[in-house]
Protein backbone atom coordinates (compact mmCIF):
# COMPACT_ATOMS: atom_id res chain seq x y z
CA MET A 1 77.85 91.82 87.48
CA PRO A 2 79.06 95.44 86.24
CA TYR A 3 82.16 97.18 87.81
CA THR A 4 81.02 100.13 90.06
CA HIS A 5 83.29 102.64 91.44
CA LEU A 6 82.93 103.24 94.88
CA THR A 7 80.94 105.91 96.09
CA ALA A 8 81.88 108.89 98.69
CA PHE A 9 79.54 107.33 100.98
CA GLU A 10 81.05 104.08 100.72
CA ARG A 11 84.54 105.70 101.12
CA TYR A 12 83.27 107.60 104.27
CA HIS A 13 81.60 104.10 105.89
CA VAL A 14 85.32 102.36 104.67
CA GLU A 15 86.80 104.95 106.88
CA LEU A 16 84.82 105.03 109.63
CA CYS A 17 85.11 101.10 109.68
CA ARG A 18 88.74 100.97 109.68
CA ARG A 19 88.69 103.47 112.78
CA ASN A 20 86.57 101.17 114.84
CA GLY A 21 89.01 98.07 114.01
CA PHE A 22 86.66 96.53 111.44
CA SER A 23 88.29 93.94 108.99
CA ILE A 24 88.49 94.23 105.35
CA ARG A 25 86.07 91.52 105.39
CA ALA A 26 83.52 92.49 107.52
CA ILE A 27 83.49 96.02 105.68
CA ALA A 28 83.25 94.33 102.39
CA ARG A 29 80.11 92.00 103.77
CA GLU A 30 78.47 95.31 105.16
CA LEU A 31 79.04 97.18 101.39
CA LYS A 32 78.04 93.96 99.58
CA ARG A 33 81.44 94.60 97.76
CA SER A 34 84.33 92.14 97.14
CA PRO A 35 86.87 91.98 99.93
CA SER A 36 89.77 92.90 97.02
CA THR A 37 87.96 95.66 96.24
CA ILE A 38 87.88 96.95 99.89
CA SER A 39 91.51 96.21 100.19
CA ARG A 40 92.47 97.90 96.97
CA GLU A 41 90.78 100.93 97.84
CA VAL A 42 92.50 101.14 101.67
CA ASN A 43 95.85 100.13 100.33
CA ARG A 44 95.46 102.53 97.02
CA ASN A 45 94.69 105.58 99.60
CA ALA A 46 96.26 105.27 102.74
CA ASN A 47 99.66 106.21 103.79
CA ARG A 48 101.98 105.07 106.67
CA ARG A 49 101.69 108.51 108.56
CA VAL A 50 97.58 108.77 108.14
CA ARG A 51 95.47 106.04 107.94
CA TYR A 52 92.68 105.93 105.04
CA ARG A 53 90.82 109.19 104.69
CA ALA A 54 87.85 109.06 102.62
CA VAL A 55 88.02 112.96 101.85
CA GLN A 56 91.34 112.44 100.53
CA ALA A 57 90.14 109.30 98.51
CA GLN A 58 87.72 111.12 96.71
CA GLN A 59 89.42 113.94 95.58
CA ARG A 60 92.14 111.48 94.33
CA TYR A 61 89.41 109.43 92.41
CA ALA A 62 88.02 112.77 91.32
CA ALA A 63 91.16 114.27 89.90
CA ALA A 64 92.12 111.03 88.37
CA ARG A 65 88.31 111.03 86.59
CA LYS A 66 89.30 114.17 85.14
CA ARG A 67 92.64 112.85 83.45
């Protein structure tokens, strides 16, 4: 199975699910992704003060792609 980056829609879905208390595994099942993919995404783009934000995650992704 080829590797694909999360889309902006998937990031938004992750944010909504995390706000509603879904587990990493439940989100992964809904998006048909590996739980480790979702876990890495949340850990990479969340901080202590503010939880995971899809818009910020997408901006960081876009900036990294430019480099």
